[in-house]
Amino acid sequence: MIDPAALDFEKSGGLIPVVVQDAATLQVLILAWMDRAALDETVASNEATFFSRSRGGRWRKGETSGDRLHVVSITTDCDADALVLKVRPVGNACHLNRISCFGEEDAPGLGRLARLEATIDERAAADPSQSWTARLLAGGVKRVAQKVGEEGVETALAGAAGPDTELASEAADLVYHLLVLLRARNMVFQDVLDVLARRAETARQSGT
């Protein structure tokens, strides 16, 4: 991931600030601190371990609550004196039993798509008689694709002649069904974002 020896722990008295993000939603979960030992333990275990300034020692998230932070990546800033940890949280990150230490709001912006994907994954295993998502997936890929087509037409009609509220509602239905279709094909929305990123890079290089 990174070379701990290359980091500047001395600038903050032996500690380094760490911004912890949900790897799927990019929601900021925690601002914490690490000393070299906490970073080494994090790298070795792939579970976020910090230095508690109030306790005066190390603590691994979840040792008492069971809510853990599995590390996906560790990135340093340009001055090598701060870190970003992207994690897969198990449970809540905040000790107040909230998703994030920064308020009660769920993942903002495009992060809601990742949260919706997680909900679709959960519902996929539900009883089809109790879950529309499970019922859709049980009908097979063609049925889900048909629903995407229907929702696309309804969104287009709302865009052509409906009020803004109707367009937003129909677009939300379209996005939901598109995510279900991706799930039915064992894909995720990140696959779509990767295509957009490649196209953007191609356009940047060509100057178009």
C-alpha atoms as a PDB file:
ATOM      1  CA  MET A   1       0.000   0.000   0.000  1.00  0.00           C
ATOM      2  CA  ILE A   2       2.501   2.612   1.195  1.00  0.00           C
ATOM      3  CA  ASP A   3       5.961   2.821   2.730  1.00  0.00           C
ATOM      4  CA  PRO A   4       5.466   3.813   6.404  1.00  0.00           C
ATOM      5  CA  ALA A   5       9.113   4.858   6.607  1.00  0.00           C
ATOM      6  CA  ALA A   6       8.473   7.586   4.041  1.00  0.00           C
ATOM      7  CA  LEU A   7       5.820   9.316   6.184  1.00  0.00           C
ATOM      8  CA  ASP A   8       6.479  12.412   8.297  1.00  0.00           C
ATOM      9  CA  PHE A   9       5.244  11.529  11.787  1.00  0.00           C
ATOM     10  CA  GLU A  10       7.388  14.193  13.454  1.00  0.00           C
ATOM     11  CA  LYS A  11       5.432  17.168  12.132  1.00  0.00           C
ATOM     12  CA  SER A  12       2.575  16.383  14.550  1.00  0.00           C
ATOM     13  CA  GLY A  13       4.616  15.036  17.436  1.00  0.00           C
ATOM     14  CA  GLY A  14       4.789  11.414  16.379  1.00  0.00           C
ATOM     15  CA  LEU A  15       1.246  11.204  15.055  1.00  0.00           C
ATOM     16  CA  ILE A  16      -0.316  11.524  11.624  1.00  0.00           C
ATOM     17  CA  PRO A  17      -3.953  12.511  10.855  1.00  0.00           C
ATOM     18  CA  VAL A  18      -6.068   9.931   9.065  1.00  0.00           C
ATOM     19  CA  VAL A  19      -9.263  10.571   7.097  1.00  0.00           C
ATOM     20  CA  VAL A  20     -11.333   7.383   6.908  1.00  0.00           C
ATOM     21  CA  GLN A  21     -13.724   6.983   3.957  1.00  0.00           C
ATOM     22  CA  ASP A  22     -16.216   4.316   2.983  1.00  0.00           C
ATOM     23  CA  ALA A  23     -14.630   2.750  -0.105  1.00  0.00           C
ATOM     24  CA  ALA A  24     -18.005   2.292  -1.808  1.00  0.00           C
ATOM     25  CA  THR A  25     -19.777   5.575  -1.040  1.00  0.00           C
ATOM     26  CA  LEU A  26     -16.700   7.777  -0.354  1.00  0.00           C
ATOM     27  CA  GLN A  27     -18.544   9.133   2.696  1.00  0.00           C
ATOM     28  CA  VAL A  28     -16.132  10.483   5.322  1.00  0.00           C
ATOM     29  CA  LEU A  29     -16.560   8.315   8.405  1.00  0.00           C
ATOM     30  CA  ILE A  30     -13.885   9.319  10.909  1.00  0.00           C
ATOM     31  CA  LEU A  31     -10.971  11.686  11.425  1.00  0.00           C
ATOM     32  CA  ALA A  32      -8.445   9.799  13.552  1.00  0.00           C
ATOM     33  CA  TRP A  33      -4.721   9.631  14.319  1.00  0.00           C
ATOM     34  CA  MET A  34      -2.021   7.008  13.922  1.00  0.00           C
ATOM     35  CA  ASP A  35       1.451   6.603  15.263  1.00  0.00           C
ATOM     36  CA  ARG A  36       3.921   4.359  13.457  1.00  0.00           C
ATOM     37  CA  ALA A  37       2.901   1.298  15.499  1.00  0.00           C
ATOM     38  CA  ALA A  38      -0.793   1.794  14.708  1.00  0.00           C
ATOM     39  CA  LEU A  39      -0.014   2.133  11.011  1.00  0.00           C
ATOM     40  CA  ASP A  40       2.139  -1.000  11.047  1.00  0.00           C
ATOM     41  CA  GLU A  41      -0.671  -2.925  12.757  1.00  0.00           C
ATOM     42  CA  THR A  42      -3.195  -1.605  10.240  1.00  0.00           C
ATOM     43  CA  VAL A  43      -1.046  -2.732   7.312  1.00  0.00           C
ATOM     44  CA  ALA A  44      -0.424  -6.140   8.865  1.00  0.00           C
ATOM     45  CA  SER A  45      -4.055  -6.854   9.829  1.00  0.00           C
ATOM     46  CA  ASN A  46      -5.988  -4.944   7.134  1.00  0.00           C
ATOM     47  CA  GLU A  47      -8.175  -3.610   9.949  1.00  0.00           C
ATOM     48  CA  ALA A  48      -8.045   0.062  10.913  1.00  0.00           C
ATOM     49  CA  THR A  49      -6.035   0.622  14.084  1.00  0.00           C
ATOM     50  CA  PHE A  50      -5.486   4.091  15.514  1.00  0.00           C
ATOM     51  CA  PHE A  51      -3.753   5.978  18.311  1.00  0.00           C
ATOM     52  CA  SER A  52      -6.203   7.451  20.811  1.00  0.00           C
ATOM     53  CA  ARG A  53      -4.995  10.776  22.134  1.00  0.00           C
ATOM     54  CA  SER A  54      -7.514  10.664  24.996  1.00  0.00           C
ATOM     55  CA  ARG A  55      -6.515   7.133  26.058  1.00  0.00           C
ATOM     56  CA  GLY A  56      -2.863   7.635  25.284  1.00  0.00           C
ATOM     57  CA  GLY A  57      -2.537   4.412  23.347  1.00  0.00           C
ATOM     58  CA  ARG A  58      -3.604   2.273  20.403  1.00  0.00           C
ATOM     59  CA  TRP A  59      -7.141   1.107  19.700  1.00  0.00           C
ATOM     60  CA  ARG A  60      -8.514  -1.057  16.950  1.00  0.00           C
ATOM     61  CA  LYS A  61     -11.953  -0.087  15.764  1.00  0.00           C
ATOM     62  CA  GLY A  62     -14.483  -2.699  16.844  1.00  0.00           C
ATOM     63  CA  GLU A  63     -12.637  -4.316  19.742  1.00  0.00           C
ATOM     64  CA  THR A  64     -15.568  -3.533  22.045  1.00  0.00           C
ATOM     65  CA  SER A  65     -18.431  -2.704  19.644  1.00  0.00           C
ATOM     66  CA  GLY A  66     -17.780  -5.287  16.927  1.00  0.00           C
ATOM     67  CA  ASP A  67     -18.108  -2.551  14.289  1.00  0.00           C
ATOM     68  CA  ARG A  68     -14.964  -2.965  12.237  1.00  0.00           C
ATOM     69  CA  LEU A  69     -13.250  -1.118   9.404  1.00  0.00           C
ATOM     70  CA  HIS A  70     -11.637  -3.434   6.850  1.00  0.00           C
ATOM     71  CA  VAL A  71      -8.963  -1.512   4.951  1.00  0.00           C
ATOM     72  CA  VAL A  72      -9.174  -1.417   1.156  1.00  0.00           C
ATOM     73  CA  SER A  73      -6.442   1.138   0.467  1.00  0.00           C
ATOM     74  CA  ILE A  74      -4.128   3.610   2.184  1.00  0.00           C
ATOM     75  CA  THR A  75      -3.073   6.784   0.378  1.00  0.00           C
ATOM     76  CA  THR A  76      -0.745   9.542   1.549  1.00  0.00           C
ATOM     77  CA  ASP A  77      -1.007  13.196   0.662  1.00  0.00           C
ATOM     78  CA  CYS A  78       1.644  15.118  -1.285  1.00  0.00           C
ATOM     79  CA  ASP A  79       3.540  16.136   1.878  1.00  0.00           C
ATOM     80  CA  ALA A  80       3.531  12.585   3.301  1.00  0.00           C
ATOM     81  CA  ASP A  81       2.063  13.869   6.567  1.00  0.00           C
ATOM     82  CA  ALA A  82      -1.593  12.778   6.270  1.00  0.00           C
ATOM     83  CA  LEU A  83      -3.409   9.630   5.158  1.00  0.00           C
ATOM     84  CA  VAL A  84      -6.697   8.600   3.587  1.00  0.00           C
ATOM     85  CA  LEU A  85      -7.950   5.141   4.494  1.00  0.00           C
ATOM     86  CA  LYS A  86     -10.655   3.693   2.267  1.00  0.00           C
ATOM     87  CA  VAL A  87     -12.473   0.981   4.164  1.00  0.00           C
ATOM     88  CA  ARG A  88     -15.349  -1.471   4.028  1.00  0.00           C
ATOM     89  CA  PRO A  89     -17.209  -0.786   7.274  1.00  0.00           C
ATOM     90  CA  VAL A  90     -18.938  -3.564   9.183  1.00  0.00           C
ATOM     91  CA  GLY A  91     -21.553  -1.803  11.277  1.00  0.00           C
ATOM     92  CA  ASN A  92     -21.341   1.860  12.219  1.00  0.00           C
ATOM     93  CA  ALA A  93     -18.131   3.868  12.303  1.00  0.00           C
ATOM     94  CA  CYS A  94     -19.167   6.356  14.993  1.00  0.00           C
ATOM     95  CA  HIS A  95     -19.243   5.482  18.714  1.00  0.00           C
ATOM     96  CA  LEU A  96     -22.654   7.203  18.839  1.00  0.00           C
ATOM     97  CA  ASN A  97     -23.979   4.319  16.707  1.00  0.00           C
ATOM     98  CA  ARG A  98     -24.101   6.397  13.531  1.00  0.00           C
ATOM     99  CA  ILE A  99     -22.700   5.614  10.107  1.00  0.00           C
ATOM    100  CA  SER A 100     -20.343   8.597  10.279  1.00  0.00           C
ATOM    101  CA  CYS A 101     -18.902  10.791  13.012  1.00  0.00           C
ATOM    102  CA  PHE A 102     -19.801  13.774  10.820  1.00  0.00           C
ATOM    103  CA  GLY A 103     -23.554  13.942  11.371  1.00  0.00           C
ATOM    104  CA  GLU A 104     -26.462  11.584  10.902  1.00  0.00           C
ATOM    105  CA  GLU A 105     -26.855  12.028   7.136  1.00  0.00           C
ATOM    106  CA  ASP A 106     -26.265   8.945   5.042  1.00  0.00           C
ATOM    107  CA  ALA A 107     -23.849   8.872   2.109  1.00  0.00           C
ATOM    108  CA  PRO A 108     -24.264  12.083   0.074  1.00  0.00           C
ATOM    109  CA  GLY A 109     -24.333  12.579  -3.676  1.00  0.00           C
ATOM    110  CA  LEU A 110     -23.344   9.640  -5.835  1.00  0.00           C
ATOM    111  CA  GLY A 111     -22.565   7.702  -2.678  1.00  0.00           C
ATOM    112  CA  ARG A 112     -26.291   6.990  -2.479  1.00  0.00           C
ATOM    113  CA  LEU A 113     -25.927   4.798  -5.561  1.00  0.00           C
ATOM    114  CA  ALA A 114     -23.445   2.592  -3.748  1.00  0.00           C
ATOM    115  CA  ARG A 115     -25.779   2.455  -0.753  1.00  0.00           C
ATOM    116  CA  LEU A 116     -28.638   1.473  -3.087  1.00  0.00           C
ATOM    117  CA  GLU A 117     -26.449  -1.233  -4.628  1.00  0.00           C
ATOM    118  CA  ALA A 118     -25.833  -2.639  -1.162  1.00  0.00           C
ATOM    119  CA  THR A 119     -29.575  -2.648  -0.479  1.00  0.00           C
ATOM    120  CA  ILE A 120     -30.224  -4.440  -3.788  1.00  0.00           C
ATOM    121  CA  ASP A 121     -27.630  -7.078  -2.830  1.00  0.00           C
ATOM    122  CA  GLU A 122     -29.408  -7.625   0.481  1.00  0.00           C
ATOM    123  CA  ARG A 123     -32.859  -7.828  -1.103  1.00  0.00           C
ATOM    124  CA  ALA A 124     -31.641 -10.275  -3.749  1.00  0.00           C
ATOM    125  CA  ALA A 125     -31.636 -12.987  -1.088  1.00  0.00           C
ATOM    126  CA  ALA A 126     -35.090 -12.105   0.226  1.00  0.00           C
ATOM    127  CA  ASP A 127     -38.365 -13.933  -0.332  1.00  0.00           C
ATOM    128  CA  PRO A 128     -39.653 -12.871  -3.789  1.00  0.00           C
ATOM    129  CA  SER A 129     -43.156 -12.651  -2.345  1.00  0.00           C
ATOM    130  CA  GLN A 130     -41.905 -10.003   0.076  1.00  0.00           C
ATOM    131  CA  SER A 131     -39.428  -8.056  -2.091  1.00  0.00           C
ATOM    132  CA  TRP A 132     -39.891  -6.415  -5.490  1.00  0.00           C
ATOM    133  CA  THR A 133     -36.140  -6.573  -6.043  1.00  0.00           C
ATOM    134  CA  ALA A 134     -36.008 -10.307  -5.346  1.00  0.00           C
ATOM    135  CA  ARG A 135     -39.050 -10.847  -7.553  1.00  0.00           C
ATOM    136  CA  LEU A 136     -37.435  -8.942 -10.419  1.00  0.00           C
ATOM    137  CA  LEU A 137     -34.209 -10.906 -10.169  1.00  0.00           C
ATOM    138  CA  ALA A 138     -36.100 -14.184  -9.933  1.00  0.00           C
ATOM    139  CA  GLY A 139     -37.708 -13.333 -13.285  1.00  0.00           C
ATOM    140  CA  GLY A 140     -34.319 -13.390 -14.998  1.00  0.00           C
ATOM    141  CA  VAL A 141     -32.163 -10.906 -16.890  1.00  0.00           C
ATOM    142  CA  LYS A 142     -34.627 -10.443 -19.769  1.00  0.00           C
ATOM    143  CA  ARG A 143     -37.412  -9.446 -17.392  1.00  0.00           C
ATOM    144  CA  VAL A 144     -35.181  -6.924 -15.636  1.00  0.00           C
ATOM    145  CA  ALA A 145     -33.998  -5.551 -18.993  1.00  0.00           C
ATOM    146  CA  GLN A 146     -37.634  -5.163 -20.067  1.00  0.00           C
ATOM    147  CA  LYS A 147     -38.334  -3.094 -16.943  1.00  0.00           C
ATOM    148  CA  VAL A 148     -35.343  -0.862 -17.705  1.00  0.00           C
ATOM    149  CA  GLY A 149     -36.797  -0.284 -21.160  1.00  0.00           C
ATOM    150  CA  GLU A 150     -40.211   0.566 -19.734  1.00  0.00           C
ATOM    151  CA  GLU A 151     -38.736   2.945 -17.190  1.00  0.00           C
ATOM    152  CA  GLY A 152     -36.582   4.544 -19.886  1.00  0.00           C
ATOM    153  CA  VAL A 153     -39.664   5.323 -21.985  1.00  0.00           C
ATOM    154  CA  GLU A 154     -41.498   6.738 -18.971  1.00  0.00           C
ATOM    155  CA  THR A 155     -38.488   8.901 -18.123  1.00  0.00           C
ATOM    156  CA  ALA A 156     -38.281  10.183 -21.688  1.00  0.00           C
ATOM    157  CA  LEU A 157     -42.005  11.046 -21.713  1.00  0.00           C
ATOM    158  CA  ALA A 158     -41.690  12.844 -18.388  1.00  0.00           C
ATOM    159  CA  GLY A 159     -38.690  14.747 -19.726  1.00  0.00           C
ATOM    160  CA  ALA A 160     -40.578  15.792 -22.839  1.00  0.00           C
ATOM    161  CA  ALA A 161     -43.846  16.873 -21.278  1.00  0.00           C
ATOM    162  CA  GLY A 162     -43.965  16.330 -17.520  1.00  0.00           C
ATOM    163  CA  PRO A 163     -43.164  18.599 -14.569  1.00  0.00           C
ATOM    164  CA  ASP A 164     -39.731  18.484 -12.924  1.00  0.00           C
ATOM    165  CA  THR A 165     -41.033  16.403 -10.028  1.00  0.00           C
ATOM    166  CA  GLU A 166     -42.303  13.718 -12.397  1.00  0.00           C
ATOM    167  CA  LEU A 167     -39.024  13.644 -14.324  1.00  0.00           C
ATOM    168  CA  ALA A 168     -37.027  13.279 -11.101  1.00  0.00           C
ATOM    169  CA  SER A 169     -39.307  10.465  -9.923  1.00  0.00           C
ATOM    170  CA  GLU A 170     -39.180   8.572 -13.193  1.00  0.00           C
ATOM    171  CA  ALA A 171     -35.406   9.034 -13.421  1.00  0.00           C
ATOM    172  CA  ALA A 172     -35.068   7.578  -9.911  1.00  0.00           C
ATOM    173  CA  ASP A 173     -37.089   4.525 -11.003  1.00  0.00           C
ATOM    174  CA  LEU A 174     -34.862   4.167 -14.056  1.00  0.00           C
ATOM    175  CA  VAL A 175     -31.658   4.316 -12.014  1.00  0.00           C
ATOM    176  CA  TYR A 176     -32.965   1.740  -9.543  1.00  0.00           C
ATOM    177  CA  HIS A 177     -33.947  -0.707 -12.290  1.00  0.00           C
ATOM    178  CA  LEU A 178     -30.626  -0.132 -14.078  1.00  0.00           C
ATOM    179  CA  LEU A 179     -28.762  -1.093 -10.896  1.00  0.00           C
ATOM    180  CA  VAL A 180     -30.909  -4.214 -10.604  1.00  0.00           C
ATOM    181  CA  LEU A 181     -30.047  -5.098 -14.207  1.00  0.00           C
ATOM    182  CA  LEU A 182     -26.344  -4.668 -13.495  1.00  0.00           C
ATOM    183  CA  ARG A 183     -26.750  -6.894 -10.432  1.00  0.00           C
ATOM    184  CA  ALA A 184     -28.500  -9.513 -12.561  1.00  0.00           C
ATOM    185  CA  ARG A 185     -25.460  -9.502 -14.872  1.00  0.00           C
ATOM    186  CA  ASN A 186     -23.023  -9.697 -11.917  1.00  0.00           C
ATOM    187  CA  MET A 187     -21.886  -6.147 -12.583  1.00  0.00           C
ATOM    188  CA  VAL A 188     -21.761  -2.991 -10.470  1.00  0.00           C
ATOM    189  CA  PHE A 189     -22.142   0.695 -11.251  1.00  0.00           C
ATOM    190  CA  GLN A 190     -18.383   1.097 -10.925  1.00  0.00           C
ATOM    191  CA  ASP A 191     -18.130  -0.787 -14.220  1.00  0.00           C
ATOM    192  CA  VAL A 192     -20.083   2.067 -15.820  1.00  0.00           C
ATOM    193  CA  LEU A 193     -17.948   4.698 -14.099  1.00  0.00           C
ATOM    194  CA  ASP A 194     -14.807   2.958 -15.353  1.00  0.00           C
ATOM    195  CA  VAL A 195     -16.043   3.305 -18.943  1.00  0.00           C
ATOM    196  CA  LEU A 196     -16.778   6.999 -18.386  1.00  0.00           C
ATOM    197  CA  ALA A 197     -13.318   7.489 -16.890  1.00  0.00           C
ATOM    198  CA  ARG A 198     -11.659   5.846 -19.893  1.00  0.00           C
ATOM    199  CA  ARG A 199     -13.685   7.997 -22.268  1.00  0.00           C
ATOM    200  CA  ALA A 200     -12.765  11.128 -20.341  1.00  0.00           C
ATOM    201  CA  GLU A 201      -9.078  10.204 -20.482  1.00  0.00           C
ATOM    202  CA  THR A 202      -9.318   9.558 -24.230  1.00  0.00           C
ATOM    203  CA  ALA A 203     -11.008  12.923 -24.751  1.00  0.00           C
ATOM    204  CA  ARG A 204      -8.365  14.646 -22.623  1.00  0.00           C
ATOM    205  CA  GLN A 205      -5.527  13.118 -24.582  1.00  0.00           C
ATOM    206  CA  SER A 206      -7.117  13.949 -27.932  1.00  0.00           C
ATOM    207  CA  GLY A 207      -8.126  17.449 -26.873  1.00  0.00           C
ATOM    208  CA  THR A 208     -11.766  16.913 -27.858  1.00  0.00           C
END
